[in-house]
């Protein structure tokens, strides 16, 4: 995150965005049925459905002894996914960053300003930072942390799914001109940090060696 703030990613963002933009025609994925209806709407709905099932599982675990061992991991996933997705809308409103498709460099009418710079005057503030759709995919990082101590193999699979799905969602929206690369990288970083902090608070338990070391230090 520090590097993202110190090293302005504008040049990289614009270079990549221009690969997906055709002057006079717009972004190559802007009118794509597959990107908009399937990858954007249906895939997002699938992740929402998964979230609902996890919430139901957590609620059932509150009354079921068979699911007792999963109560804390399920509660963690519910909290982490809720936080990673709920921060998006407030941050969009706070930062007022425009989408590439709104900028004058890509056929729009808005003036580009870097993330931490004052926004140029406009009648329609942007709502494009961080990436909401990317957050839907990267929020599944919570599954990795929920499984990492008890089911390492499953955790690795969950990590691959989360990173893969988040990347696919990110690239899809970049093809449509909805986000720059840096928007999605910020989203990944936010989601990762939230999942780590929630894991440290709810699930982390020191191993035997760590417990012994702490005991020795107190003595």
C-alpha atoms as a PDB file:
ATOM      1  CA  UNK A   1       0.000   0.000   0.000  1.00  0.00           C
ATOM      2  CA  UNK A   2       2.888   2.306   0.799  1.00  0.00           C
ATOM      3  CA  UNK A   3       4.404   1.681  -2.612  1.00  0.00           C
ATOM      4  CA  UNK A   4       1.056   2.330  -4.279  1.00  0.00           C
ATOM      5  CA  UNK A   5       0.930   5.713  -2.564  1.00  0.00           C
ATOM      6  CA  UNK A   6       4.575   6.635  -3.184  1.00  0.00           C
ATOM      7  CA  UNK A   7       4.800   5.417  -6.779  1.00  0.00           C
ATOM      8  CA  UNK A   8       1.975   6.943  -8.791  1.00  0.00           C
ATOM      9  CA  UNK A   9       0.450   4.100 -10.869  1.00  0.00           C
ATOM     10  CA  UNK A  10      -1.200   6.470 -13.351  1.00  0.00           C
ATOM     11  CA  UNK A  11       1.149   5.703 -16.241  1.00  0.00           C
ATOM     12  CA  UNK A  12       0.673   1.952 -15.846  1.00  0.00           C
ATOM     13  CA  UNK A  13      -3.091   2.345 -15.428  1.00  0.00           C
ATOM     14  CA  UNK A  14      -3.424   4.404 -18.617  1.00  0.00           C
ATOM     15  CA  UNK A  15      -1.124   2.158 -20.639  1.00  0.00           C
ATOM     16  CA  UNK A  16      -3.178  -0.925 -19.786  1.00  0.00           C
ATOM     17  CA  UNK A  17      -6.499   0.858 -20.248  1.00  0.00           C
ATOM     18  CA  UNK A  18      -5.463   2.006 -23.740  1.00  0.00           C
ATOM     19  CA  UNK A  19      -4.974  -1.644 -24.697  1.00  0.00           C
ATOM     20  CA  UNK A  20      -8.699  -2.170 -24.154  1.00  0.00           C
ATOM     21  CA  UNK A  21      -9.855   1.094 -25.730  1.00  0.00           C
ATOM     22  CA  UNK A  22     -10.591   1.858 -29.373  1.00  0.00           C
ATOM     23  CA  UNK A  23     -10.953   5.575 -30.214  1.00  0.00           C
ATOM     24  CA  UNK A  24     -14.409   6.307 -31.496  1.00  0.00           C
ATOM     25  CA  UNK A  25     -15.745   2.904 -30.429  1.00  0.00           C
ATOM     26  CA  UNK A  26     -14.998   2.863 -26.716  1.00  0.00           C
ATOM     27  CA  UNK A  27     -13.808   0.031 -24.514  1.00  0.00           C
ATOM     28  CA  UNK A  28     -13.915  -3.354 -26.188  1.00  0.00           C
ATOM     29  CA  UNK A  29     -15.994  -4.950 -23.444  1.00  0.00           C
ATOM     30  CA  UNK A  30     -18.432  -2.107 -22.783  1.00  0.00           C
ATOM     31  CA  UNK A  31     -21.312  -3.702 -24.698  1.00  0.00           C
ATOM     32  CA  UNK A  32     -20.360  -7.315 -24.077  1.00  0.00           C
ATOM     33  CA  UNK A  33     -23.303  -9.459 -22.977  1.00  0.00           C
ATOM     34  CA  UNK A  34     -20.963 -12.075 -21.547  1.00  0.00           C
ATOM     35  CA  UNK A  35     -19.007  -9.566 -19.460  1.00  0.00           C
ATOM     36  CA  UNK A  36     -22.015  -7.593 -18.256  1.00  0.00           C
ATOM     37  CA  UNK A  37     -24.757 -10.167 -17.832  1.00  0.00           C
ATOM     38  CA  UNK A  38     -22.796 -13.348 -17.051  1.00  0.00           C
ATOM     39  CA  UNK A  39     -19.503 -12.290 -15.488  1.00  0.00           C
ATOM     40  CA  UNK A  40     -20.764  -9.149 -13.790  1.00  0.00           C
ATOM     41  CA  UNK A  41     -24.340  -9.966 -12.749  1.00  0.00           C
ATOM     42  CA  UNK A  42     -24.683 -13.753 -12.613  1.00  0.00           C
ATOM     43  CA  UNK A  43     -21.241 -14.479 -11.164  1.00  0.00           C
ATOM     44  CA  UNK A  44     -21.727 -11.820  -8.500  1.00  0.00           C
ATOM     45  CA  UNK A  45     -25.105 -13.319  -7.637  1.00  0.00           C
ATOM     46  CA  UNK A  46     -23.448 -16.729  -7.281  1.00  0.00           C
ATOM     47  CA  UNK A  47     -20.984 -15.348  -4.720  1.00  0.00           C
ATOM     48  CA  UNK A  48     -23.843 -13.636  -2.881  1.00  0.00           C
ATOM     49  CA  UNK A  49     -25.698 -16.968  -2.789  1.00  0.00           C
ATOM     50  CA  UNK A  50     -22.592 -18.635  -1.343  1.00  0.00           C
ATOM     51  CA  UNK A  51     -22.443 -15.912   1.304  1.00  0.00           C
ATOM     52  CA  UNK A  52     -26.070 -16.517   2.230  1.00  0.00           C
ATOM     53  CA  UNK A  53     -25.404 -20.253   2.579  1.00  0.00           C
ATOM     54  CA  UNK A  54     -22.427 -19.535   4.847  1.00  0.00           C
ATOM     55  CA  UNK A  55     -24.585 -17.250   7.004  1.00  0.00           C
ATOM     56  CA  UNK A  56     -27.217 -19.978   7.245  1.00  0.00           C
ATOM     57  CA  UNK A  57     -24.521 -22.492   8.189  1.00  0.00           C
ATOM     58  CA  UNK A  58     -23.280 -20.182  10.938  1.00  0.00           C
ATOM     59  CA  UNK A  59     -26.787 -19.663  12.312  1.00  0.00           C
ATOM     60  CA  UNK A  60     -27.415 -23.418  12.312  1.00  0.00           C
ATOM     61  CA  UNK A  61     -24.098 -23.975  14.102  1.00  0.00           C
ATOM     62  CA  UNK A  62     -25.378 -21.890  17.005  1.00  0.00           C
ATOM     63  CA  UNK A  63     -27.902 -24.618  17.794  1.00  0.00           C
ATOM     64  CA  UNK A  64     -26.254 -27.744  16.407  1.00  0.00           C
ATOM     65  CA  UNK A  65     -23.597 -29.711  18.263  1.00  0.00           C
ATOM     66  CA  UNK A  66     -22.589 -31.400  15.000  1.00  0.00           C
ATOM     67  CA  UNK A  67     -21.470 -28.051  13.627  1.00  0.00           C
ATOM     68  CA  UNK A  68     -19.966 -26.786  16.863  1.00  0.00           C
ATOM     69  CA  UNK A  69     -16.371 -27.113  15.613  1.00  0.00           C
ATOM     70  CA  UNK A  70     -17.273 -24.982  12.566  1.00  0.00           C
ATOM     71  CA  UNK A  71     -19.026 -22.229  14.511  1.00  0.00           C
ATOM     72  CA  UNK A  72     -16.003 -19.999  14.936  1.00  0.00           C
ATOM     73  CA  UNK A  73     -14.652 -20.452  11.352  1.00  0.00           C
ATOM     74  CA  UNK A  74     -18.114 -19.821   9.895  1.00  0.00           C
ATOM     75  CA  UNK A  75     -18.551 -16.756  12.084  1.00  0.00           C
ATOM     76  CA  UNK A  76     -15.156 -15.535  10.929  1.00  0.00           C
ATOM     77  CA  UNK A  77     -16.072 -15.955   7.252  1.00  0.00           C
ATOM     78  CA  UNK A  78     -19.377 -14.128   7.743  1.00  0.00           C
ATOM     79  CA  UNK A  79     -17.642 -11.192   9.449  1.00  0.00           C
ATOM     80  CA  UNK A  80     -14.672 -10.988   7.065  1.00  0.00           C
ATOM     81  CA  UNK A  81     -16.802 -11.160   3.916  1.00  0.00           C
ATOM     82  CA  UNK A  82     -19.230  -8.615   5.323  1.00  0.00           C
ATOM     83  CA  UNK A  83     -16.431  -6.160   6.095  1.00  0.00           C
ATOM     84  CA  UNK A  84     -14.555  -6.601   2.809  1.00  0.00           C
ATOM     85  CA  UNK A  85     -17.662  -5.905   0.766  1.00  0.00           C
ATOM     86  CA  UNK A  86     -19.252  -3.243   2.972  1.00  0.00           C
ATOM     87  CA  UNK A  87     -16.291  -0.840   2.865  1.00  0.00           C
ATOM     88  CA  UNK A  88     -16.577  -0.434  -0.906  1.00  0.00           C
ATOM     89  CA  UNK A  89     -19.563   1.907  -1.111  1.00  0.00           C
ATOM     90  CA  UNK A  90     -18.355   4.357   1.599  1.00  0.00           C
ATOM     91  CA  UNK A  91     -14.889   4.511   0.029  1.00  0.00           C
ATOM     92  CA  UNK A  92     -16.382   5.143  -3.413  1.00  0.00           C
ATOM     93  CA  UNK A  93     -18.385   8.053  -2.014  1.00  0.00           C
ATOM     94  CA  UNK A  94     -15.415   9.384  -0.044  1.00  0.00           C
ATOM     95  CA  UNK A  95     -12.861   9.321  -2.855  1.00  0.00           C
ATOM     96  CA  UNK A  96     -15.135  10.249  -5.810  1.00  0.00           C
ATOM     97  CA  UNK A  97     -12.720   8.656  -8.298  1.00  0.00           C
ATOM     98  CA  UNK A  98     -14.031   8.475 -11.864  1.00  0.00           C
ATOM     99  CA  UNK A  99     -14.125   5.342 -13.996  1.00  0.00           C
ATOM    100  CA  UNK A 100     -11.898   5.253 -17.083  1.00  0.00           C
ATOM    101  CA  UNK A 101     -14.962   5.386 -19.338  1.00  0.00           C
ATOM    102  CA  UNK A 102     -15.866   8.777 -17.836  1.00  0.00           C
ATOM    103  CA  UNK A 103     -12.494  10.405 -18.543  1.00  0.00           C
ATOM    104  CA  UNK A 104     -11.781  12.671 -21.489  1.00  0.00           C
ATOM    105  CA  UNK A 105      -8.824  10.463 -22.473  1.00  0.00           C
ATOM    106  CA  UNK A 106     -11.274   7.616 -23.097  1.00  0.00           C
ATOM    107  CA  UNK A 107     -14.162   9.386 -24.760  1.00  0.00           C
ATOM    108  CA  UNK A 108     -15.776  10.814 -21.621  1.00  0.00           C
ATOM    109  CA  UNK A 109     -15.925  14.364 -20.308  1.00  0.00           C
ATOM    110  CA  UNK A 110     -14.324  14.170 -16.856  1.00  0.00           C
ATOM    111  CA  UNK A 111     -10.810  15.301 -15.923  1.00  0.00           C
ATOM    112  CA  UNK A 112      -8.489  12.701 -14.430  1.00  0.00           C
ATOM    113  CA  UNK A 113      -6.978  13.377 -11.009  1.00  0.00           C
ATOM    114  CA  UNK A 114      -4.728  10.989  -9.024  1.00  0.00           C
ATOM    115  CA  UNK A 115      -6.128   9.247  -5.971  1.00  0.00           C
ATOM    116  CA  UNK A 116      -4.861  11.681  -3.306  1.00  0.00           C
ATOM    117  CA  UNK A 117      -5.191  14.851  -5.386  1.00  0.00           C
ATOM    118  CA  UNK A 118      -8.110  17.282  -5.095  1.00  0.00           C
ATOM    119  CA  UNK A 119     -10.895  16.350  -7.499  1.00  0.00           C
ATOM    120  CA  UNK A 120     -11.501  18.502 -10.544  1.00  0.00           C
ATOM    121  CA  UNK A 121     -14.836  20.316 -10.514  1.00  0.00           C
ATOM    122  CA  UNK A 122     -17.630  18.136 -11.790  1.00  0.00           C
ATOM    123  CA  UNK A 123     -21.394  17.836 -11.604  1.00  0.00           C
ATOM    124  CA  UNK A 124     -21.155  14.056 -11.283  1.00  0.00           C
ATOM    125  CA  UNK A 125     -18.551  12.744  -8.811  1.00  0.00           C
ATOM    126  CA  UNK A 126     -17.073   9.357  -9.642  1.00  0.00           C
ATOM    127  CA  UNK A 127     -17.847   6.136  -7.803  1.00  0.00           C
ATOM    128  CA  UNK A 128     -15.092   3.851  -9.053  1.00  0.00           C
ATOM    129  CA  UNK A 129     -12.504   3.366  -6.293  1.00  0.00           C
ATOM    130  CA  UNK A 130     -12.046   0.720  -5.041  1.00  0.00           C
ATOM    131  CA  UNK A 131     -13.472  -2.006  -7.280  1.00  0.00           C
ATOM    132  CA  UNK A 132     -16.779  -3.357  -6.040  1.00  0.00           C
ATOM    133  CA  UNK A 133     -16.904  -6.311  -8.391  1.00  0.00           C
ATOM    134  CA  UNK A 134     -13.295  -7.238  -7.630  1.00  0.00           C
ATOM    135  CA  UNK A 135     -14.140  -7.148  -3.941  1.00  0.00           C
ATOM    136  CA  UNK A 136     -16.858  -9.737  -4.517  1.00  0.00           C
ATOM    137  CA  UNK A 137     -14.208 -12.193  -5.715  1.00  0.00           C
ATOM    138  CA  UNK A 138     -11.407 -11.239  -3.340  1.00  0.00           C
ATOM    139  CA  UNK A 139     -13.759 -11.409  -0.345  1.00  0.00           C
ATOM    140  CA  UNK A 140     -13.468 -15.196  -0.691  1.00  0.00           C
ATOM    141  CA  UNK A 141      -9.961 -14.872   0.749  1.00  0.00           C
ATOM    142  CA  UNK A 142     -11.811 -15.354   4.026  1.00  0.00           C
ATOM    143  CA  UNK A 143     -12.250 -19.025   3.122  1.00  0.00           C
ATOM    144  CA  UNK A 144      -8.481 -19.438   2.917  1.00  0.00           C
ATOM    145  CA  UNK A 145      -7.928 -18.095   6.427  1.00  0.00           C
ATOM    146  CA  UNK A 146     -10.856 -20.096   7.797  1.00  0.00           C
ATOM    147  CA  UNK A 147      -9.260 -23.338   6.566  1.00  0.00           C
ATOM    148  CA  UNK A 148      -5.519 -22.631   6.779  1.00  0.00           C
ATOM    149  CA  UNK A 149      -4.951 -24.160  10.240  1.00  0.00           C
ATOM    150  CA  UNK A 150      -7.277 -27.154  10.082  1.00  0.00           C
ATOM    151  CA  UNK A 151      -7.413 -28.045   6.364  1.00  0.00           C
ATOM    152  CA  UNK A 152      -4.244 -26.743   4.615  1.00  0.00           C
ATOM    153  CA  UNK A 153      -5.029 -28.380   1.274  1.00  0.00           C
ATOM    154  CA  UNK A 154      -8.541 -26.987   1.221  1.00  0.00           C
ATOM    155  CA  UNK A 155      -7.116 -23.616   2.209  1.00  0.00           C
ATOM    156  CA  UNK A 156      -4.786 -23.603  -0.787  1.00  0.00           C
ATOM    157  CA  UNK A 157      -7.676 -24.460  -3.094  1.00  0.00           C
ATOM    158  CA  UNK A 158      -9.767 -21.661  -1.548  1.00  0.00           C
ATOM    159  CA  UNK A 159      -6.879 -19.240  -1.994  1.00  0.00           C
ATOM    160  CA  UNK A 160      -6.573 -20.132  -5.664  1.00  0.00           C
ATOM    161  CA  UNK A 161     -10.314 -19.741  -6.190  1.00  0.00           C
ATOM    162  CA  UNK A 162     -10.405 -16.365  -4.424  1.00  0.00           C
ATOM    163  CA  UNK A 163      -7.420 -14.929  -6.278  1.00  0.00           C
ATOM    164  CA  UNK A 164      -8.559 -16.419  -9.574  1.00  0.00           C
ATOM    165  CA  UNK A 165     -12.129 -15.214  -9.311  1.00  0.00           C
ATOM    166  CA  UNK A 166     -11.087 -11.776  -8.083  1.00  0.00           C
ATOM    167  CA  UNK A 167      -8.647 -11.473 -10.986  1.00  0.00           C
ATOM    168  CA  UNK A 168     -11.260 -12.557 -13.535  1.00  0.00           C
ATOM    169  CA  UNK A 169     -13.765 -10.059 -12.136  1.00  0.00           C
ATOM    170  CA  UNK A 170     -11.091  -7.348 -12.167  1.00  0.00           C
ATOM    171  CA  UNK A 171      -9.996  -7.953 -15.743  1.00  0.00           C
ATOM    172  CA  UNK A 172     -13.604  -8.148 -16.899  1.00  0.00           C
ATOM    173  CA  UNK A 173     -14.364  -4.702 -15.505  1.00  0.00           C
ATOM    174  CA  UNK A 174     -11.117  -3.311 -16.924  1.00  0.00           C
ATOM    175  CA  UNK A 175     -12.168  -4.552 -20.360  1.00  0.00           C
ATOM    176  CA  UNK A 176     -15.394  -2.611 -19.899  1.00  0.00           C
ATOM    177  CA  UNK A 177     -13.600   0.569 -18.808  1.00  0.00           C
ATOM    178  CA  UNK A 178     -15.051   0.481 -15.303  1.00  0.00           C
ATOM    179  CA  UNK A 179     -11.736   0.354 -13.430  1.00  0.00           C
ATOM    180  CA  UNK A 180      -8.013   0.874 -13.730  1.00  0.00           C
ATOM    181  CA  UNK A 181      -5.604  -1.850 -12.639  1.00  0.00           C
ATOM    182  CA  UNK A 182      -4.671   0.078  -9.488  1.00  0.00           C
ATOM    183  CA  UNK A 183      -8.329   0.211  -8.408  1.00  0.00           C
ATOM    184  CA  UNK A 184      -8.426  -3.571  -8.285  1.00  0.00           C
ATOM    185  CA  UNK A 185      -5.012  -3.903  -6.633  1.00  0.00           C
ATOM    186  CA  UNK A 186      -6.177  -1.605  -3.868  1.00  0.00           C
ATOM    187  CA  UNK A 187      -9.267  -3.762  -3.487  1.00  0.00           C
ATOM    188  CA  UNK A 188      -7.160  -6.914  -3.129  1.00  0.00           C
ATOM    189  CA  UNK A 189      -4.931  -5.247  -0.539  1.00  0.00           C
ATOM    190  CA  UNK A 190      -7.873  -3.964   1.498  1.00  0.00           C
ATOM    191  CA  UNK A 191      -9.562  -7.361   1.474  1.00  0.00           C
ATOM    192  CA  UNK A 192      -6.358  -9.180   2.410  1.00  0.00           C
ATOM    193  CA  UNK A 193      -5.659  -6.864   5.354  1.00  0.00           C
ATOM    194  CA  UNK A 194      -9.234  -7.144   6.631  1.00  0.00           C
ATOM    195  CA  UNK A 195      -9.125 -10.943   6.409  1.00  0.00           C
ATOM    196  CA  UNK A 196      -5.753 -11.067   8.185  1.00  0.00           C
ATOM    197  CA  UNK A 197      -6.893  -8.807  11.019  1.00  0.00           C
ATOM    198  CA  UNK A 198     -10.141 -10.716  11.507  1.00  0.00           C
ATOM    199  CA  UNK A 199      -8.189 -13.993  11.458  1.00  0.00           C
ATOM    200  CA  UNK A 200      -5.773 -12.699  14.091  1.00  0.00           C
ATOM    201  CA  UNK A 201      -8.669 -11.641  16.279  1.00  0.00           C
ATOM    202  CA  UNK A 202     -11.010 -14.625  15.887  1.00  0.00           C
ATOM    203  CA  UNK A 203      -9.142 -17.721  14.694  1.00  0.00           C
ATOM    204  CA  UNK A 204      -5.439 -17.399  15.434  1.00  0.00           C
ATOM    205  CA  UNK A 205      -4.111 -19.634  18.183  1.00  0.00           C
ATOM    206  CA  UNK A 206      -0.369 -19.719  18.992  1.00  0.00           C
ATOM    207  CA  UNK A 207       1.342 -23.044  18.299  1.00  0.00           C
ATOM    208  CA  UNK A 208       3.082 -25.019  21.091  1.00  0.00           C
ATOM    209  CA  UNK A 209       6.458 -23.422  20.386  1.00  0.00           C
ATOM    210  CA  UNK A 210       4.982 -19.938  20.512  1.00  0.00           C
ATOM    211  CA  UNK A 211       3.222 -20.719  23.818  1.00  0.00           C
ATOM    212  CA  UNK A 212       6.467 -22.009  25.343  1.00  0.00           C
ATOM    213  CA  UNK A 213       8.350 -18.931  24.166  1.00  0.00           C
ATOM    214  CA  UNK A 214       5.758 -16.621  25.681  1.00  0.00           C
ATOM    215  CA  UNK A 215       5.865 -18.577  28.953  1.00  0.00           C
ATOM    216  CA  UNK A 216       9.667 -18.353  29.079  1.00  0.00           C
ATOM    217  CA  UNK A 217       9.533 -14.637  28.410  1.00  0.00           C
ATOM    218  CA  UNK A 218       7.187 -14.108  31.372  1.00  0.00           C
ATOM    219  CA  UNK A 219       9.538 -16.088  33.634  1.00  0.00           C
END
